Amino acid sequence: MAGFGTRFGRTDTIKPFINVLDKPMIAWAVESFPQLKSHNFVFIILQEHETKYQIKTKLKQLFGSKITVIIIPRSTRGAAETALAAKSYLDPDEDIIIADSDQYFDSTNLYQAILNKTFDTSGIIPVDRPIDTQIKHSYTLADSHNLAHKVAEKDPQLASQGAYSNIGAYYFAKAKIFTQAIEAMIKAGAVSGPPGRQEFFVAPVYQQLINEGKKIYVAPSPNAWRLGTPEDLDYFLGHYRQRRPLG
């Protein structure tokens, strides 16, 4: 939640609190994980937003007093670096899910994959099929056994190969798998994304793990919607609850 979300052009609230069918966008994102209890959630917000909108209070009103809210002083160089701000709150040997605040999806297959994962699974990516040809997602190319072979951020070549689009949530079998990988990427300056918009994204962390020989799987979702742009939101409002075959 520590981005600026300027594409909606709003000044009266931040993007995660834009009203979507009578509840804030962030509520849809959290409802993607009905298996989790409130004490499992860690939200990361900007001090600027806390000062202007009292976000911490609003989050606790929505999700209860047991959530954790981390306030960072300034924007970071990408979502992966933002997520790293939670490192001291994590058990390094427990699994974690890192999620954006602007998507809503059926996580049933993700949780089944987590429950059934093998001992050597390092991560699982919830995915679906792109609804258009715009290169606006991170992508994962996987085989018929759902084993990921290539993960990249906004990569047109990968998208053209029939890759899944990543939904915006990322599972790691142990927190330290993520924190160690992103710390190494930051040290190496390994940003990704299109020219002029390169950041430390979360999805490329998986490619680094794949390069190290670690196993990453995909979990296709039958229902997934992005809410992060006006166009995404319009699509959601027009297609909510309609299912698309993953094929």
C-alpha atoms as a PDB file:
ATOM      1  CA  MET A   1       0.000   0.000   0.000  1.00  0.00           C
ATOM      2  CA  ALA A   2       3.015   2.296  -0.092  1.00  0.00           C
ATOM      3  CA  GLY A   3       2.634   3.448  -3.694  1.00  0.00           C
ATOM      4  CA  PHE A   4       0.985   6.601  -4.972  1.00  0.00           C
ATOM      5  CA  GLY A   5      -1.610   5.141  -7.372  1.00  0.00           C
ATOM      6  CA  THR A   6      -1.889   8.279  -9.516  1.00  0.00           C
ATOM      7  CA  ARG A   7      -3.732   6.727 -12.460  1.00  0.00           C
ATOM      8  CA  PHE A   8      -7.140   7.330 -10.882  1.00  0.00           C
ATOM      9  CA  GLY A   9      -6.405  11.039 -10.571  1.00  0.00           C
ATOM     10  CA  ARG A  10      -8.009  11.264  -7.132  1.00  0.00           C
ATOM     11  CA  THR A  11      -7.004  13.533  -4.275  1.00  0.00           C
ATOM     12  CA  ASP A  12      -9.666  12.825  -1.650  1.00  0.00           C
ATOM     13  CA  THR A  13      -8.290   9.379  -0.775  1.00  0.00           C
ATOM     14  CA  ILE A  14      -5.548   6.941  -1.738  1.00  0.00           C
ATOM     15  CA  LYS A  15      -6.184   4.181  -4.251  1.00  0.00           C
ATOM     16  CA  PRO A  16      -6.671   1.289  -1.770  1.00  0.00           C
ATOM     17  CA  PHE A  17      -9.621   3.156  -0.268  1.00  0.00           C
ATOM     18  CA  ILE A  18     -11.431   3.917  -3.519  1.00  0.00           C
ATOM     19  CA  ASN A  19     -14.992   2.602  -3.220  1.00  0.00           C
ATOM     20  CA  VAL A  20     -15.599  -0.555  -5.245  1.00  0.00           C
ATOM     21  CA  LEU A  21     -19.134  -1.940  -4.998  1.00  0.00           C
ATOM     22  CA  ASP A  22     -19.694  -0.410  -1.568  1.00  0.00           C
ATOM     23  CA  LYS A  23     -16.386  -1.358   0.022  1.00  0.00           C
ATOM     24  CA  PRO A  24     -12.827  -0.079  -0.288  1.00  0.00           C
ATOM     25  CA  MET A  25     -10.517  -1.660  -2.841  1.00  0.00           C
ATOM     26  CA  ILE A  26      -8.227  -2.963  -0.088  1.00  0.00           C
ATOM     27  CA  ALA A  27     -11.116  -4.986   1.356  1.00  0.00           C
ATOM     28  CA  TRP A  28     -11.424  -6.882  -1.927  1.00  0.00           C
ATOM     29  CA  ALA A  29      -7.699  -7.640  -1.846  1.00  0.00           C
ATOM     30  CA  VAL A  30      -7.875  -8.953   1.721  1.00  0.00           C
ATOM     31  CA  GLU A  31     -10.956 -11.046   0.918  1.00  0.00           C
ATOM     32  CA  SER A  32      -8.800 -12.928  -1.575  1.00  0.00           C
ATOM     33  CA  PHE A  33      -7.382 -14.740   1.470  1.00  0.00           C
ATOM     34  CA  PRO A  34     -10.361 -15.991   3.512  1.00  0.00           C
ATOM     35  CA  GLN A  35      -8.209 -18.698   5.107  1.00  0.00           C
ATOM     36  CA  LEU A  36      -6.102 -16.131   6.976  1.00  0.00           C
ATOM     37  CA  LYS A  37      -6.947 -14.511  10.310  1.00  0.00           C
ATOM     38  CA  SER A  38      -6.522 -10.807  11.000  1.00  0.00           C
ATOM     39  CA  HIS A  39      -3.371 -11.279  13.087  1.00  0.00           C
ATOM     40  CA  ASN A  40      -1.682 -12.753   9.991  1.00  0.00           C
ATOM     41  CA  PHE A  41      -1.935  -9.509   8.019  1.00  0.00           C
ATOM     42  CA  VAL A  42       0.872  -6.956   7.801  1.00  0.00           C
ATOM     43  CA  PHE A  43       0.152  -3.714   5.934  1.00  0.00           C
ATOM     44  CA  ILE A  44       2.903  -1.357   4.784  1.00  0.00           C
ATOM     45  CA  ILE A  45       1.959   2.289   4.284  1.00  0.00           C
ATOM     46  CA  LEU A  46       3.670   5.627   3.696  1.00  0.00           C
ATOM     47  CA  GLN A  47       4.068   8.184   6.464  1.00  0.00           C
ATOM     48  CA  GLU A  48       2.744  10.801   4.041  1.00  0.00           C
ATOM     49  CA  HIS A  49      -0.501   8.871   3.626  1.00  0.00           C
ATOM     50  CA  GLU A  50      -0.806   8.199   7.339  1.00  0.00           C
ATOM     51  CA  THR A  51      -0.443  11.902   8.092  1.00  0.00           C
ATOM     52  CA  LYS A  52      -2.970  12.951   5.456  1.00  0.00           C
ATOM     53  CA  TYR A  53      -5.551  10.141   5.618  1.00  0.00           C
ATOM     54  CA  GLN A  54      -5.054   8.340   8.979  1.00  0.00           C
ATOM     55  CA  ILE A  55      -4.680   5.043   7.133  1.00  0.00           C
ATOM     56  CA  LYS A  56      -3.628   2.989  10.164  1.00  0.00           C
ATOM     57  CA  THR A  57      -6.846   3.820  11.998  1.00  0.00           C
ATOM     58  CA  LYS A  58      -8.948   3.048   8.929  1.00  0.00           C
ATOM     59  CA  LEU A  59      -7.233  -0.299   8.404  1.00  0.00           C
ATOM     60  CA  LYS A  60      -7.854  -1.322  12.004  1.00  0.00           C
ATOM     61  CA  GLN A  61     -11.480  -0.288  11.699  1.00  0.00           C
ATOM     62  CA  LEU A  62     -11.793  -2.530   8.652  1.00  0.00           C
ATOM     63  CA  PHE A  63      -9.771  -5.555   9.714  1.00  0.00           C
ATOM     64  CA  GLY A  64      -9.497  -5.408  13.495  1.00  0.00           C
ATOM     65  CA  SER A  65      -6.944  -4.350  16.062  1.00  0.00           C
ATOM     66  CA  LYS A  66      -4.774  -7.464  15.653  1.00  0.00           C
ATOM     67  CA  ILE A  67      -3.375  -6.496  12.256  1.00  0.00           C
ATOM     68  CA  THR A  68       0.133  -5.064  11.993  1.00  0.00           C
ATOM     69  CA  VAL A  69       0.652  -1.726  10.246  1.00  0.00           C
ATOM     70  CA  ILE A  70       4.183  -0.679   9.300  1.00  0.00           C
ATOM     71  CA  ILE A  71       4.722   2.975   8.417  1.00  0.00           C
ATOM     72  CA  ILE A  72       7.711   3.733   6.215  1.00  0.00           C
ATOM     73  CA  PRO A  73       9.114   7.268   5.884  1.00  0.00           C
ATOM     74  CA  ARG A  74       9.321   7.481   2.093  1.00  0.00           C
ATOM     75  CA  SER A  75       8.507   5.591  -1.079  1.00  0.00           C
ATOM     76  CA  THR A  76      10.879   2.791  -2.041  1.00  0.00           C
ATOM     77  CA  ARG A  77      12.382   1.614  -5.316  1.00  0.00           C
ATOM     78  CA  GLY A  78       9.666  -0.963  -5.872  1.00  0.00           C
ATOM     79  CA  ALA A  79       7.204  -3.378  -4.293  1.00  0.00           C
ATOM     80  CA  ALA A  80       9.856  -5.945  -3.365  1.00  0.00           C
ATOM     81  CA  GLU A  81      11.877  -3.368  -1.452  1.00  0.00           C
ATOM     82  CA  THR A  82       8.682  -2.186   0.248  1.00  0.00           C
ATOM     83  CA  ALA A  83       7.870  -5.750   1.337  1.00  0.00           C
ATOM     84  CA  LEU A  84      11.349  -6.049   2.818  1.00  0.00           C
ATOM     85  CA  ALA A  85      10.310  -3.440   5.400  1.00  0.00           C
ATOM     86  CA  ALA A  86       8.370  -6.230   7.132  1.00  0.00           C
ATOM     87  CA  LYS A  87      11.446  -8.428   7.618  1.00  0.00           C
ATOM     88  CA  SER A  88      11.748  -7.875  11.378  1.00  0.00           C
ATOM     89  CA  TYR A  89       8.094  -8.869  11.832  1.00  0.00           C
ATOM     90  CA  LEU A  90       8.502 -12.210  10.067  1.00  0.00           C
ATOM     91  CA  ASP A  91       9.573 -15.620  11.276  1.00  0.00           C
ATOM     92  CA  PRO A  92      12.268 -16.458   8.704  1.00  0.00           C
ATOM     93  CA  ASP A  93      11.217 -20.117   8.634  1.00  0.00           C
ATOM     94  CA  GLU A  94       7.472 -19.526   8.227  1.00  0.00           C
ATOM     95  CA  ASP A  95       5.778 -19.182   4.869  1.00  0.00           C
ATOM     96  CA  ILE A  96       4.523 -15.818   3.624  1.00  0.00           C
ATOM     97  CA  ILE A  97       2.280 -14.334   0.953  1.00  0.00           C
ATOM     98  CA  ILE A  98       3.144 -10.921  -0.446  1.00  0.00           C
ATOM     99  CA  ALA A  99       0.130  -9.288  -2.086  1.00  0.00           C
ATOM    100  CA  ASP A 100      -0.717  -6.085  -3.886  1.00  0.00           C
ATOM    101  CA  SER A 101      -3.648  -4.036  -2.629  1.00  0.00           C
ATOM    102  CA  ASP A 102      -5.418  -3.759  -5.977  1.00  0.00           C
ATOM    103  CA  GLN A 103      -6.545  -7.229  -7.026  1.00  0.00           C
ATOM    104  CA  TYR A 104      -9.240  -9.745  -6.101  1.00  0.00           C
ATOM    105  CA  PHE A 105      -9.048 -13.452  -6.904  1.00  0.00           C
ATOM    106  CA  ASP A 106     -10.222 -16.924  -5.990  1.00  0.00           C
ATOM    107  CA  SER A 107      -7.310 -18.342  -3.987  1.00  0.00           C
ATOM    108  CA  THR A 108      -8.709 -21.874  -3.590  1.00  0.00           C
ATOM    109  CA  ASN A 109      -6.154 -23.413  -5.958  1.00  0.00           C
ATOM    110  CA  LEU A 110      -3.341 -21.461  -4.328  1.00  0.00           C
ATOM    111  CA  TYR A 111      -4.210 -22.857  -0.912  1.00  0.00           C
ATOM    112  CA  GLN A 112      -4.536 -26.377  -2.259  1.00  0.00           C
ATOM    113  CA  ALA A 113      -1.104 -26.017  -3.836  1.00  0.00           C
ATOM    114  CA  ILE A 114       0.300 -24.783  -0.527  1.00  0.00           C
ATOM    115  CA  LEU A 115      -1.227 -27.685   1.393  1.00  0.00           C
ATOM    116  CA  ASN A 116       0.047 -30.217  -1.151  1.00  0.00           C
ATOM    117  CA  LYS A 117       3.460 -28.706  -1.852  1.00  0.00           C
ATOM    118  CA  THR A 118       6.537 -30.891  -1.873  1.00  0.00           C
ATOM    119  CA  PHE A 119       9.408 -30.361   0.553  1.00  0.00           C
ATOM    120  CA  ASP A 120      11.533 -28.760  -2.153  1.00  0.00           C
ATOM    121  CA  THR A 121       8.970 -26.148  -3.235  1.00  0.00           C
ATOM    122  CA  SER A 122      10.317 -22.629  -2.724  1.00  0.00           C
ATOM    123  CA  GLY A 123       7.396 -20.620  -4.059  1.00  0.00           C
ATOM    124  CA  ILE A 124       3.967 -20.655  -5.689  1.00  0.00           C
ATOM    125  CA  ILE A 125       2.550 -17.962  -7.962  1.00  0.00           C
ATOM    126  CA  PRO A 126      -1.227 -17.527  -8.404  1.00  0.00           C
ATOM    127  CA  VAL A 127      -1.842 -16.893 -12.105  1.00  0.00           C
ATOM    128  CA  ASP A 128      -4.506 -16.594 -14.773  1.00  0.00           C
ATOM    129  CA  ARG A 129      -4.681 -16.042 -18.514  1.00  0.00           C
ATOM    130  CA  PRO A 130      -4.328 -12.447 -19.787  1.00  0.00           C
ATOM    131  CA  ILE A 131      -7.614 -10.900 -20.899  1.00  0.00           C
ATOM    132  CA  ASP A 132      -5.913  -8.712 -23.528  1.00  0.00           C
ATOM    133  CA  THR A 133      -2.601  -8.223 -25.277  1.00  0.00           C
ATOM    134  CA  GLN A 134      -1.428  -5.211 -23.284  1.00  0.00           C
ATOM    135  CA  ILE A 135       1.957  -5.824 -21.672  1.00  0.00           C
ATOM    136  CA  LYS A 136       1.043  -4.697 -18.175  1.00  0.00           C
ATOM    137  CA  HIS A 137       1.638  -7.761 -15.998  1.00  0.00           C
ATOM    138  CA  SER A 138       4.463  -9.914 -14.830  1.00  0.00           C
ATOM    139  CA  TYR A 139       4.369 -13.274 -16.580  1.00  0.00           C
ATOM    140  CA  THR A 140       5.202 -16.896 -15.841  1.00  0.00           C
ATOM    141  CA  LEU A 141       5.839 -19.654 -18.354  1.00  0.00           C
ATOM    142  CA  ALA A 142       5.026 -23.051 -16.838  1.00  0.00           C
ATOM    143  CA  ASP A 143       4.774 -26.647 -18.014  1.00  0.00           C
ATOM    144  CA  SER A 144       1.834 -29.051 -17.821  1.00  0.00           C
ATOM    145  CA  HIS A 145       2.805 -29.935 -14.246  1.00  0.00           C
ATOM    146  CA  ASN A 146       2.560 -26.262 -13.202  1.00  0.00           C
ATOM    147  CA  LEU A 147       6.321 -26.032 -12.736  1.00  0.00           C
ATOM    148  CA  ALA A 148       7.528 -22.525 -13.596  1.00  0.00           C
ATOM    149  CA  HIS A 149      10.444 -22.202 -16.008  1.00  0.00           C
ATOM    150  CA  LYS A 150      10.576 -18.467 -16.669  1.00  0.00           C
ATOM    151  CA  VAL A 151       9.274 -15.434 -14.759  1.00  0.00           C
ATOM    152  CA  ALA A 152       9.659 -11.840 -15.903  1.00  0.00           C
ATOM    153  CA  GLU A 153       8.160  -8.395 -15.411  1.00  0.00           C
ATOM    154  CA  LYS A 154       6.210  -6.835 -18.308  1.00  0.00           C
ATOM    155  CA  ASP A 155       8.095  -8.932 -20.851  1.00  0.00           C
ATOM    156  CA  PRO A 156       6.426  -8.955 -24.314  1.00  0.00           C
ATOM    157  CA  GLN A 157       8.526 -11.890 -25.510  1.00  0.00           C
ATOM    158  CA  LEU A 158       7.413 -14.047 -22.599  1.00  0.00           C
ATOM    159  CA  ALA A 159       3.798 -12.956 -23.032  1.00  0.00           C
ATOM    160  CA  SER A 160       3.931 -13.947 -26.714  1.00  0.00           C
ATOM    161  CA  GLN A 161       4.918 -17.495 -25.719  1.00  0.00           C
ATOM    162  CA  GLY A 162       1.578 -18.066 -24.013  1.00  0.00           C
ATOM    163  CA  ALA A 163       2.750 -17.330 -20.494  1.00  0.00           C
ATOM    164  CA  TYR A 164       0.341 -16.920 -17.623  1.00  0.00           C
ATOM    165  CA  SER A 165      -0.130 -13.454 -16.174  1.00  0.00           C
ATOM    166  CA  ASN A 166       0.706 -13.177 -12.495  1.00  0.00           C
ATOM    167  CA  ILE A 167      -2.227 -11.983 -10.409  1.00  0.00           C
ATOM    168  CA  GLY A 168      -0.326  -9.859  -7.896  1.00  0.00           C
ATOM    169  CA  ALA A 169       0.193 -12.218  -4.962  1.00  0.00           C
ATOM    170  CA  TYR A 170       3.338 -14.218  -4.274  1.00  0.00           C
ATOM    171  CA  TYR A 171       3.845 -17.199  -1.967  1.00  0.00           C
ATOM    172  CA  PHE A 172       7.218 -18.158  -0.512  1.00  0.00           C
ATOM    173  CA  ALA A 173       7.645 -21.384   1.460  1.00  0.00           C
ATOM    174  CA  LYS A 174       9.872 -19.555   3.951  1.00  0.00           C
ATOM    175  CA  ALA A 175      10.126 -15.822   4.556  1.00  0.00           C
ATOM    176  CA  LYS A 176      13.908 -15.991   4.393  1.00  0.00           C
ATOM    177  CA  ILE A 177      13.754 -17.332   0.840  1.00  0.00           C
ATOM    178  CA  PHE A 178      12.247 -13.998  -0.191  1.00  0.00           C
ATOM    179  CA  THR A 179      14.241 -11.694   2.076  1.00  0.00           C
ATOM    180  CA  GLN A 180      17.600 -13.215   1.180  1.00  0.00           C
ATOM    181  CA  ALA A 181      16.828 -13.151  -2.536  1.00  0.00           C
ATOM    182  CA  ILE A 182      15.621  -9.549  -2.648  1.00  0.00           C
ATOM    183  CA  GLU A 183      18.496  -8.362  -0.472  1.00  0.00           C
ATOM    184  CA  ALA A 184      20.881  -9.925  -2.991  1.00  0.00           C
ATOM    185  CA  MET A 185      19.007  -8.321  -5.886  1.00  0.00           C
ATOM    186  CA  ILE A 186      19.093  -4.896  -4.235  1.00  0.00           C
ATOM    187  CA  LYS A 187      22.805  -5.254  -3.549  1.00  0.00           C
ATOM    188  CA  ALA A 188      23.340  -6.137  -7.209  1.00  0.00           C
ATOM    189  CA  GLY A 189      21.055  -3.349  -8.418  1.00  0.00           C
ATOM    190  CA  ALA A 190      18.992  -5.940 -10.312  1.00  0.00           C
ATOM    191  CA  VAL A 191      15.970  -3.828 -11.227  1.00  0.00           C
ATOM    192  CA  SER A 192      13.536  -4.947 -13.925  1.00  0.00           C
ATOM    193  CA  GLY A 193      10.664  -3.673 -16.017  1.00  0.00           C
ATOM    194  CA  PRO A 194      10.395  -1.490 -19.131  1.00  0.00           C
ATOM    195  CA  PRO A 195      12.977   1.248 -19.755  1.00  0.00           C
ATOM    196  CA  GLY A 196      12.354   4.319 -17.636  1.00  0.00           C
ATOM    197  CA  ARG A 197      10.131   2.401 -15.208  1.00  0.00           C
ATOM    198  CA  GLN A 198      12.532  -0.109 -13.742  1.00  0.00           C
ATOM    199  CA  GLU A 199      12.039  -1.121 -10.120  1.00  0.00           C
ATOM    200  CA  PHE A 200      12.606  -3.945  -7.673  1.00  0.00           C
ATOM    201  CA  PHE A 201       9.505  -5.980  -8.498  1.00  0.00           C
ATOM    202  CA  VAL A 202       8.527  -9.138  -6.612  1.00  0.00           C
ATOM    203  CA  ALA A 203       8.002 -11.486  -9.562  1.00  0.00           C
ATOM    204  CA  PRO A 204      11.646 -11.415 -10.771  1.00  0.00           C
ATOM    205  CA  VAL A 205      12.682 -12.758  -7.373  1.00  0.00           C
ATOM    206  CA  TYR A 206      11.264 -16.075  -8.568  1.00  0.00           C
ATOM    207  CA  GLN A 207      13.458 -16.040 -11.669  1.00  0.00           C
ATOM    208  CA  GLN A 208      16.491 -15.614  -9.468  1.00  0.00           C
ATOM    209  CA  LEU A 209      15.351 -18.618  -7.432  1.00  0.00           C
ATOM    210  CA  ILE A 210      14.768 -20.651 -10.604  1.00  0.00           C
ATOM    211  CA  ASN A 211      18.278 -19.734 -11.748  1.00  0.00           C
ATOM    212  CA  GLU A 212      19.533 -21.164  -8.450  1.00  0.00           C
ATOM    213  CA  GLY A 213      17.777 -24.462  -9.154  1.00  0.00           C
ATOM    214  CA  LYS A 214      14.850 -23.920  -6.796  1.00  0.00           C
ATOM    215  CA  LYS A 215      11.348 -25.119  -7.663  1.00  0.00           C
ATOM    216  CA  ILE A 216       8.595 -22.571  -8.267  1.00  0.00           C
ATOM    217  CA  TYR A 217       5.052 -23.586  -9.210  1.00  0.00           C
ATOM    218  CA  VAL A 218       1.979 -21.792 -10.521  1.00  0.00           C
ATOM    219  CA  ALA A 219      -1.548 -22.055  -9.128  1.00  0.00           C
ATOM    220  CA  PRO A 220      -4.076 -21.091 -11.829  1.00  0.00           C
ATOM    221  CA  SER A 221      -7.100 -19.211 -10.511  1.00  0.00           C
ATOM    222  CA  PRO A 222     -10.541 -19.562 -12.171  1.00  0.00           C
ATOM    223  CA  ASN A 223     -11.501 -16.018 -11.162  1.00  0.00           C
ATOM    224  CA  ALA A 224      -9.092 -13.114 -10.965  1.00  0.00           C
ATOM    225  CA  TRP A 225      -9.517  -9.392 -11.417  1.00  0.00           C
ATOM    226  CA  ARG A 226      -7.088  -6.504 -11.345  1.00  0.00           C
ATOM    227  CA  LEU A 227      -8.401  -3.270  -9.887  1.00  0.00           C
ATOM    228  CA  GLY A 228      -5.309  -1.113 -10.267  1.00  0.00           C
ATOM    229  CA  THR A 229      -6.299   1.108 -13.200  1.00  0.00           C
ATOM    230  CA  PRO A 230      -9.586   2.714 -14.272  1.00  0.00           C
ATOM    231  CA  GLU A 231      -9.711   0.250 -17.188  1.00  0.00           C
ATOM    232  CA  ASP A 232      -9.140  -2.727 -14.881  1.00  0.00           C
ATOM    233  CA  LEU A 233     -11.847  -1.511 -12.535  1.00  0.00           C
ATOM    234  CA  ASP A 234     -14.324  -1.040 -15.387  1.00  0.00           C
ATOM    235  CA  TYR A 235     -13.639  -4.608 -16.527  1.00  0.00           C
ATOM    236  CA  PHE A 236     -14.204  -5.915 -13.008  1.00  0.00           C
ATOM    237  CA  LEU A 237     -17.490  -4.060 -12.652  1.00  0.00           C
ATOM    238  CA  GLY A 238     -18.659  -5.492 -15.968  1.00  0.00           C
ATOM    239  CA  HIS A 239     -17.489  -9.081 -15.477  1.00  0.00           C
ATOM    240  CA  TYR A 240     -17.585  -9.751 -11.734  1.00  0.00           C
ATOM    241  CA  ARG A 241     -18.380 -13.412 -10.963  1.00  0.00           C
ATOM    242  CA  GLN A 242     -18.018 -14.485 -14.596  1.00  0.00           C
ATOM    243  CA  ARG A 243     -15.573 -17.342 -15.005  1.00  0.00           C
ATOM    244  CA  ARG A 244     -13.012 -17.646 -17.767  1.00  0.00           C
ATOM    245  CA  PRO A 245     -11.513 -21.044 -18.720  1.00  0.00           C
ATOM    246  CA  LEU A 246      -7.765 -21.170 -18.191  1.00  0.00           C
ATOM    247  CA  GLY A 247      -7.177 -23.547 -21.098  1.00  0.00           C
END
